[in-house]
Amino acid sequence: MLDRVIRNFNESLGIYARTSAARYACGVILAIAGDMRRAESEFREAIETGPDNGMAHHSLGMLYVNTRQYDDAAYQFKQALKSMPLSLPAYRELGRVHDARGRYDEAVEVYRRALANVAHAPGAYLLYQSLGNSYYKGRRYDDAIDAFRAALAARPQDPYLHVNLGAACMAAGRLSEAGEEFERALEMSPDLLSALRNLGTLHLKMERYGDAVTVLERAVSLCPTHGTTYRKLAIAYERTGEARRAEECMAKGLEYEAGGDGDRR
């Protein structure tokens, strides 16, 4: 079936079937169909035919990301940016490749360069979010806070950004600000697990063990297979004098962590 689709596609193009744009389109069809080997071949041919085909470079980079060939992926995204210097997706993917290799400073430079070029483009808040994530991973928490606040200036009703900002505040020791951000996220999305788990962790840090129990019990009820949450709930139970429940939670936590820690939402 797939071969027939590709054959009909090429026949419909006639003399244009071997152009760079046609080979790129063929690669997209193959990638959607799950034939990544042939898709890679088509993207490579598209690039050979038209070295400035930025979309082919970008798509080939994405294939390499999926197979964790990060050096090759980074090269392709850089080539894509040469012909598409305002491509927000190419900047984001190049930054993500650096993040995946633990090169957080390089990721930061990519995002900062992107913001210098496309700060006013639709979706530019995603660059600030990615920049904040890279700062956070590199333990530059105050810079992460600034980046997440910039993202929130464009998307104030995004609960995930409030969680990101709260996590950076908590890591920076700004605990009251962290709590405010987690609470805002939960006002917008009451069942948001990342907000519940982070708020529970914050309560533990602030020795508010009863509040930690309440929040973490809610998180466990929404996702009963997340080992780390059980372990934190066990600590809260132990601090509130519920030794038996603490022991049960710790056992479940270790069991689920051994099995992959359940749902990581």
Protein backbone atom coordinates (compact mmCIF):
# COMPACT_ATOMS: atom_id res chain seq x y z
CA MET A 1 0.00 0.00 0.00
CA LEU A 2 2.73 2.44 0.98
CA ASP A 3 4.76 1.65 -2.13
CA ARG A 4 1.70 2.32 -4.28
CA VAL A 5 1.14 5.67 -2.57
CA ILE A 6 4.76 6.67 -3.18
CA ARG A 7 4.61 5.47 -6.79
CA ASN A 8 1.39 7.41 -7.47
CA PHE A 9 2.89 10.47 -5.79
CA ASN A 10 6.00 10.35 -7.96
CA GLU A 11 3.98 9.72 -11.13
CA SER A 12 1.74 12.69 -10.37
CA LEU A 13 4.81 14.95 -10.19
CA GLY A 14 6.14 13.85 -13.55
CA ILE A 15 9.37 15.63 -14.40
CA TYR A 16 9.41 17.28 -10.96
CA ALA A 17 9.58 13.98 -9.06
CA ARG A 18 13.32 14.23 -8.42
CA THR A 19 13.37 17.81 -7.19
CA SER A 20 14.47 18.54 -3.67
CA ALA A 21 10.96 19.62 -2.65
CA ALA A 22 9.46 16.41 -4.04
CA ARG A 23 12.00 14.18 -2.27
CA TYR A 24 11.34 16.04 0.97
CA ALA A 25 7.57 15.56 0.59
CA CYS A 26 8.12 11.88 -0.14
CA GLY A 27 10.23 11.60 3.00
CA VAL A 28 7.44 13.16 5.05
CA ILE A 29 4.94 10.61 3.70
CA LEU A 30 7.29 7.76 4.60
CA ALA A 31 7.97 9.17 8.07
CA ILE A 32 4.25 9.49 8.78
CA ALA A 33 3.84 5.88 7.66
CA GLY A 34 6.60 4.82 10.06
CA ASP A 35 9.19 3.81 7.44
CA MET A 36 12.05 5.80 8.95
CA ARG A 37 14.82 4.11 7.00
CA ARG A 38 13.36 5.11 3.65
CA ALA A 39 12.34 8.51 5.00
CA GLU A 40 15.97 9.16 5.97
CA SER A 41 17.05 8.19 2.47
CA GLU A 42 14.57 10.61 0.90
CA PHE A 43 15.57 13.48 3.19
CA ARG A 44 19.21 12.84 2.34
CA GLU A 45 18.41 12.90 -1.37
CA ALA A 46 16.44 16.11 -0.90
CA ILE A 47 19.48 17.69 0.74
CA GLU A 48 21.84 16.40 -1.93
CA THR A 49 19.58 17.84 -4.62
CA GLY A 50 18.95 21.08 -2.74
CA PRO A 51 21.49 21.78 0.03
CA ASP A 52 19.47 24.83 1.14
CA ASN A 53 16.31 22.80 1.79
CA GLY A 54 15.96 23.76 5.45
CA MET A 55 12.89 21.62 6.02
CA ALA A 56 14.73 18.52 4.84
CA HIS A 57 17.61 19.29 7.21
CA HIS A 58 15.14 19.82 10.05
CA SER A 59 13.24 16.60 9.36
CA LEU A 60 16.45 14.61 9.10
CA GLY A 61 17.52 16.12 12.41
CA MET A 62 14.28 14.97 14.00
CA LEU A 63 14.91 11.41 12.78
CA TYR A 64 18.34 11.53 14.42
CA VAL A 65 16.85 12.84 17.66
CA ASN A 66 14.48 9.88 17.74
CA THR A 67 17.44 7.50 17.48
CA ARG A 68 19.54 9.57 19.94
CA GLN A 69 22.16 10.40 17.34
CA TYR A 70 22.56 13.82 18.90
CA ASP A 71 25.74 14.96 17.14
CA ASP A 72 24.17 14.29 13.73
CA ALA A 73 20.93 15.91 14.85
CA ALA A 74 22.72 19.06 16.02
CA TYR A 75 24.51 19.34 12.67
CA GLN A 76 21.24 19.09 10.74
CA PHE A 77 19.47 21.71 12.87
CA LYS A 78 22.41 24.07 12.40
CA GLN A 79 22.18 23.53 8.64
CA ALA A 80 18.44 24.17 8.79
CA LEU A 81 19.06 27.49 10.53
CA LYS A 82 21.46 28.59 7.81
CA SER A 83 18.60 28.59 5.31
CA MET A 84 15.82 29.33 7.82
CA PRO A 85 17.42 31.77 10.31
CA LEU A 86 14.03 32.67 11.81
CA SER A 87 12.86 29.10 12.39
CA LEU A 88 11.68 28.88 16.00
CA PRO A 89 11.30 25.06 15.83
CA ALA A 90 14.88 24.61 14.60
CA TYR A 91 16.22 26.75 17.44
CA ARG A 92 14.17 24.81 20.00
CA GLU A 93 15.25 21.42 18.69
CA LEU A 94 18.91 22.42 18.59
CA GLY A 95 18.65 23.62 22.19
CA ARG A 96 16.96 20.38 23.19
CA VAL A 97 19.77 18.37 21.63
CA HIS A 98 22.29 20.29 23.74
CA ASP A 99 20.11 19.70 26.81
CA ALA A 100 19.95 15.97 26.06
CA ARG A 101 23.76 15.86 26.05
CA GLY A 102 23.99 17.83 29.29
CA ARG A 103 25.44 20.86 27.52
CA TYR A 104 23.20 23.37 29.26
CA ASP A 105 25.36 26.44 28.62
CA GLU A 106 25.30 25.70 24.89
CA ALA A 107 21.52 25.30 25.02
CA VAL A 108 21.24 28.65 26.78
CA GLU A 109 23.28 30.32 24.04
CA VAL A 110 21.03 28.82 21.35
CA TYR A 111 17.87 30.07 23.05
CA ARG A 112 19.33 33.53 23.70
CA ARG A 113 20.38 33.80 20.05
CA ALA A 114 16.90 32.69 19.01
CA LEU A 115 15.24 35.31 21.19
CA ALA A 116 17.45 37.99 19.67
CA ASN A 117 16.04 37.02 16.27
CA VAL A 118 12.45 35.90 16.89
CA ALA A 119 11.44 37.37 20.26
CA HIS A 120 8.21 38.77 18.80
CA ALA A 121 7.22 35.71 16.77
CA PRO A 122 4.08 33.75 17.70
CA GLY A 123 5.06 31.08 20.19
CA ALA A 124 8.25 32.84 21.28
CA TYR A 125 7.24 32.22 24.88
CA LEU A 126 8.28 28.61 24.24
CA LEU A 127 11.85 29.82 23.83
CA TYR A 128 11.69 31.52 27.22
CA GLN A 129 10.30 28.30 28.69
CA SER A 130 13.08 26.25 27.12
CA LEU A 131 15.65 28.82 28.26
CA GLY A 132 14.30 28.55 31.79
CA ASN A 133 14.53 24.77 31.67
CA SER A 134 18.16 24.91 30.57
CA TYR A 135 19.03 27.41 33.28
CA TYR A 136 17.28 25.18 35.82
CA LYS A 137 19.15 22.06 34.70
CA GLY A 138 22.39 24.03 34.89
CA ARG A 139 21.46 25.12 38.44
CA ARG A 140 21.23 28.78 37.49
CA TYR A 141 17.99 29.17 39.38
CA ASP A 142 17.70 32.96 39.48
CA ASP A 143 18.18 33.11 35.71
CA ALA A 144 15.58 30.35 35.35
CA ILE A 145 13.13 32.40 37.40
CA ASP A 146 13.62 35.41 35.10
CA ALA A 147 13.10 33.26 32.00
CA PHE A 148 9.93 31.63 33.31
CA ARG A 149 8.55 35.02 34.32
CA ALA A 150 9.17 36.24 30.77
CA ALA A 151 7.28 33.23 29.41
CA LEU A 152 4.41 33.91 31.81
CA ALA A 153 4.19 37.51 30.64
CA ALA A 154 2.94 36.08 27.34
CA ARG A 155 1.02 33.13 28.80
CA PRO A 156 -0.20 34.09 32.29
CA GLN A 157 -2.87 31.36 32.34
CA ASP A 158 -0.51 28.47 31.58
CA PRO A 159 -0.45 26.27 34.72
CA TYR A 160 2.65 24.38 33.58
CA LEU A 161 4.65 27.61 33.42
CA HIS A 162 3.56 28.41 36.96
CA VAL A 163 4.81 24.98 38.05
CA ASN A 164 8.14 25.60 36.28
CA LEU A 165 8.49 28.97 37.97
CA GLY A 166 7.55 27.47 41.33
CA ALA A 167 10.13 24.71 40.97
CA ALA A 168 12.85 27.27 40.18
CA CYS A 169 11.81 29.39 43.17
CA MET A 170 11.89 26.32 45.43
CA ALA A 171 15.37 25.37 44.18
CA ALA A 172 16.54 28.94 44.81
CA GLY A 173 15.21 28.82 48.37
CA ARG A 174 12.41 31.29 47.68
CA LEU A 175 9.85 29.03 49.30
CA SER A 176 6.95 31.39 49.80
CA GLU A 177 7.08 32.43 46.13
CA ALA A 178 7.22 28.78 45.14
CA GLY A 179 4.07 28.02 47.11
CA GLU A 180 2.23 30.91 45.46
CA GLU A 181 3.09 29.59 42.00
CA PHE A 182 2.03 26.01 42.76
CA GLU A 183 -1.25 27.27 44.22
CA ARG A 184 -1.87 29.39 41.12
CA ALA A 185 -1.29 26.35 38.93
CA LEU A 186 -3.78 24.33 40.96
CA GLU A 187 -6.37 27.09 40.75
CA MET A 188 -6.16 26.78 36.98
CA SER A 189 -5.84 22.98 36.87
CA PRO A 190 -6.85 21.30 40.17
CA ASP A 191 -5.69 17.83 39.08
CA LEU A 192 -2.29 18.87 37.73
CA LEU A 193 0.01 16.21 39.15
CA SER A 194 3.24 18.14 38.75
CA ALA A 195 1.77 20.98 40.81
CA LEU A 196 0.50 18.63 43.51
CA ARG A 197 3.79 16.76 43.77
CA ASN A 198 5.85 19.92 43.91
CA LEU A 199 3.54 21.50 46.47
CA GLY A 200 3.78 18.36 48.58
CA THR A 201 7.57 18.52 48.40
CA LEU A 202 7.46 22.18 49.39
CA HIS A 203 5.29 21.39 52.44
CA LEU A 204 7.85 18.78 53.50
CA LYS A 205 10.66 21.31 53.16
CA MET A 206 8.71 23.80 55.28
CA GLU A 207 7.83 21.08 57.84
CA ARG A 208 4.13 21.43 57.15
CA TYR A 209 3.59 17.72 57.39
CA GLY A 210 -0.19 17.73 57.70
CA ASP A 211 -0.49 19.85 54.57
CA ALA A 212 1.98 17.55 52.83
CA VAL A 213 -0.20 14.54 53.69
CA THR A 214 -3.30 16.23 52.24
CA VAL A 215 -1.64 17.23 48.98
CA LEU A 216 0.31 14.01 48.42
CA GLU A 217 -2.72 11.84 49.17
CA ARG A 218 -4.49 13.75 46.41
CA ALA A 219 -1.58 13.10 44.05
CA VAL A 220 -1.57 9.39 44.89
CA SER A 221 -5.32 9.14 44.31
CA LEU A 222 -4.85 10.58 40.81
CA CYS A 223 -1.85 8.40 39.95
CA PRO A 224 -1.55 5.39 42.27
CA THR A 225 1.60 3.97 40.66
CA HIS A 226 4.14 6.77 41.15
CA GLY A 227 6.79 5.51 43.53
CA THR A 228 8.44 8.81 44.38
CA THR A 229 5.13 10.30 45.53
CA TYR A 230 4.53 7.32 47.81
CA ARG A 231 7.97 7.74 49.36
CA LYS A 232 7.35 11.41 50.07
CA LEU A 233 3.93 10.60 51.48
CA ALA A 234 5.60 8.01 53.70
CA ILE A 235 7.86 10.73 55.12
CA ALA A 236 4.85 12.95 55.79
CA TYR A 237 3.02 10.10 57.53
CA GLU A 238 6.08 9.31 59.64
CA ARG A 239 6.39 12.96 60.71
CA THR A 240 2.72 13.05 61.72
CA GLY A 241 3.05 9.91 63.82
CA GLU A 242 1.34 7.46 61.45
CA ALA A 243 4.06 4.82 61.45
CA ARG A 244 2.01 1.98 59.97
CA ARG A 245 0.80 4.05 57.01
CA ALA A 246 4.32 5.37 56.53
CA GLU A 247 5.66 1.82 56.31
CA GLU A 248 2.97 0.81 53.82
CA CYS A 249 3.64 3.84 51.62
CA MET A 250 7.38 3.32 51.65
CA ALA A 251 6.93 -0.31 50.59
CA LYS A 252 4.66 0.75 47.71
CA GLY A 253 7.06 3.48 46.72
CA LEU A 254 10.00 1.12 46.46
CA GLU A 255 7.88 -1.41 44.57
CA TYR A 256 6.71 1.09 41.96
CA GLU A 257 10.12 2.70 41.59
CA ALA A 258 11.61 -0.74 40.90
CA GLY A 259 9.02 -1.14 38.15
CA GLY A 260 9.73 2.21 36.50
CA ASP A 261 8.01 4.73 38.81
CA GLY A 262 4.64 4.61 37.07
CA ASP A 263 3.14 7.67 35.46
CA ARG A 264 5.61 10.59 35.47
CA ARG A 265 3.11 13.33 34.68
